[in-house]
Protein backbone atom coordinates (compact mmCIF):
# COMPACT_ATOMS: atom_id res chain seq x y z
CA UNK A 1 -68.71 -35.62 39.10
CA UNK A 2 -70.20 -36.89 42.37
CA UNK A 3 -73.39 -37.88 40.54
CA UNK A 4 -71.41 -39.77 37.93
CA UNK A 5 -69.59 -41.81 40.57
CA UNK A 6 -72.78 -42.44 42.48
CA UNK A 7 -74.53 -43.60 39.31
CA UNK A 8 -71.77 -46.08 38.42
CA UNK A 9 -71.14 -47.59 41.86
CA UNK A 10 -73.91 -49.73 43.31
CA UNK A 11 -75.23 -48.54 46.65
CA UNK A 12 -73.93 -51.62 48.46
CA UNK A 13 -70.36 -51.33 47.23
CA UNK A 14 -69.23 -48.69 49.72
CA UNK A 15 -70.35 -50.37 52.96
CA UNK A 16 -69.33 -53.80 51.69
CA UNK A 17 -65.86 -52.53 50.75
CA UNK A 18 -65.56 -50.92 54.19
CA UNK A 19 -66.42 -54.31 55.71
CA UNK A 20 -63.94 -56.28 53.58
CA UNK A 21 -61.00 -53.87 53.81
CA UNK A 22 -60.02 -54.54 57.47
CA UNK A 23 -59.84 -58.28 56.80
CA UNK A 24 -57.66 -57.76 53.75
CA UNK A 25 -55.35 -55.35 55.59
CA UNK A 26 -54.78 -57.88 58.37
CA UNK A 27 -54.18 -60.63 55.80
CA UNK A 28 -51.63 -58.57 53.85
CA UNK A 29 -49.98 -57.55 57.11
CA UNK A 30 -49.64 -61.20 58.08
CA UNK A 31 -48.13 -62.01 54.69
CA UNK A 32 -45.56 -59.26 55.22
CA UNK A 33 -44.67 -59.93 58.88
CA UNK A 34 -45.05 -63.64 59.65
CA UNK A 35 -42.27 -64.84 57.30
CA UNK A 36 -39.78 -62.69 59.25
CA UNK A 37 -40.85 -64.32 62.50
CA UNK A 38 -40.52 -67.75 60.89
CA UNK A 39 -36.80 -67.06 60.41
CA UNK A 40 -36.42 -65.98 64.03
CA UNK A 41 -38.17 -69.13 65.21
CA UNK A 42 -35.88 -71.32 63.10
CA UNK A 43 -32.85 -69.77 64.82
CA UNK A 44 -34.34 -70.42 68.26
CA UNK A 45 -34.56 -74.17 67.66
CA UNK A 46 -37.36 -74.63 70.21
CA UNK A 47 -40.65 -76.46 69.88
CA UNK A 48 -43.20 -73.77 69.12
CA UNK A 49 -46.46 -73.40 71.04
CA UNK A 50 -49.62 -74.49 69.23
CA UNK A 51 -50.88 -70.94 68.42
CA UNK A 52 -47.62 -70.17 66.64
CA UNK A 53 -47.67 -73.46 64.74
CA UNK A 54 -51.26 -72.76 63.70
CA UNK A 55 -50.36 -69.23 62.61
CA UNK A 56 -47.45 -70.46 60.49
CA UNK A 57 -49.68 -73.09 58.89
CA UNK A 58 -52.63 -70.83 58.08
CA UNK A 59 -51.54 -67.22 57.58
CA UNK A 60 -51.42 -67.64 53.78
CA UNK A 61 -55.18 -68.20 53.76
CA UNK A 62 -56.14 -65.27 55.96
CA UNK A 63 -57.32 -63.35 52.89
CA UNK A 64 -60.27 -65.73 52.79
CA UNK A 65 -61.52 -64.02 55.94
CA UNK A 66 -62.86 -61.30 53.64
CA UNK A 67 -65.62 -63.76 52.74
CA UNK A 68 -67.05 -63.52 56.27
CA UNK A 69 -68.47 -59.98 55.94
CA UNK A 70 -69.69 -60.80 52.43
CA UNK A 71 -71.51 -63.87 53.75
CA UNK A 72 -72.96 -61.83 56.63
CA UNK A 73 -74.13 -59.19 54.14
CA UNK A 74 -75.71 -61.78 51.85
CA UNK A 75 -77.33 -63.86 54.60
CA UNK A 76 -78.82 -60.86 56.33
CA UNK A 77 -81.01 -60.30 53.26
CA UNK A 78 -83.76 -57.73 53.47
CA UNK A 79 -84.16 -57.94 57.21
CA UNK A 80 -82.42 -55.30 59.29
CA UNK A 81 -79.50 -53.21 58.21
CA UNK A 82 -77.21 -55.68 56.48
CA UNK A 83 -74.52 -53.04 55.85
CA UNK A 84 -74.05 -52.62 59.60
CA UNK A 85 -74.01 -56.40 60.13
CA UNK A 86 -71.38 -56.84 57.41
CA UNK A 87 -69.27 -54.00 58.79
CA UNK A 88 -69.40 -55.44 62.30
CA UNK A 89 -68.51 -58.90 60.97
CA UNK A 90 -65.55 -57.50 59.03
CA UNK A 91 -64.19 -55.42 61.89
CA UNK A 92 -64.67 -58.24 64.42
CA UNK A 93 -62.97 -60.78 62.15
CA UNK A 94 -60.04 -58.46 61.48
CA UNK A 95 -59.67 -57.65 65.18
CA UNK A 96 -59.68 -61.33 66.16
CA UNK A 97 -57.11 -62.24 63.50
CA UNK A 98 -54.91 -59.28 64.44
CA UNK A 99 -54.97 -60.09 68.17
CA UNK A 100 -54.38 -63.79 67.55
CA UNK A 101 -51.53 -63.01 65.15
CA UNK A 102 -49.78 -60.73 67.63
CA UNK A 103 -50.17 -63.26 70.45
CA UNK A 104 -48.99 -66.16 68.29
CA UNK A 105 -45.97 -64.25 66.96
CA UNK A 106 -44.72 -63.25 70.37
CA UNK A 107 -45.60 -66.43 72.31
CA UNK A 108 -42.28 -68.18 71.50
CA UNK A 109 -40.32 -65.12 72.58
CA UNK A 110 -42.12 -65.06 75.92
CA UNK A 111 -41.57 -68.81 76.23
CA UNK A 112 -37.83 -68.36 75.60
CA UNK A 113 -37.73 -65.60 78.20
CA UNK A 114 -39.21 -67.96 80.79
CA UNK A 115 -36.65 -70.66 79.94
CA UNK A 116 -33.68 -68.31 80.11
CA UNK A 117 -34.84 -66.02 82.96
């Protein structure tokens, strides 16, 4: 069975999928979470900081971030280990989007705390 799977899946599919998956997980997480925060922000009635406005304007397109590890894999070509480069690009992209998303979601709440407290 293992030989059958190995024969049908190209050698690059595993590392490339491992590179794309973190980006897609962050994108789907944003699609599930950010709309809930949008409702909270509407109730607050405050002007939102720029990271939050940018998050609300762009989170629908975060799935396109999966193209970054693919591009890194393709551009690396025959030189070096392109699987490692693609994996690093995917993990770094997902980590940056995740950290930015958390910061942008909670920035208005911290801002409100400063105004009230």
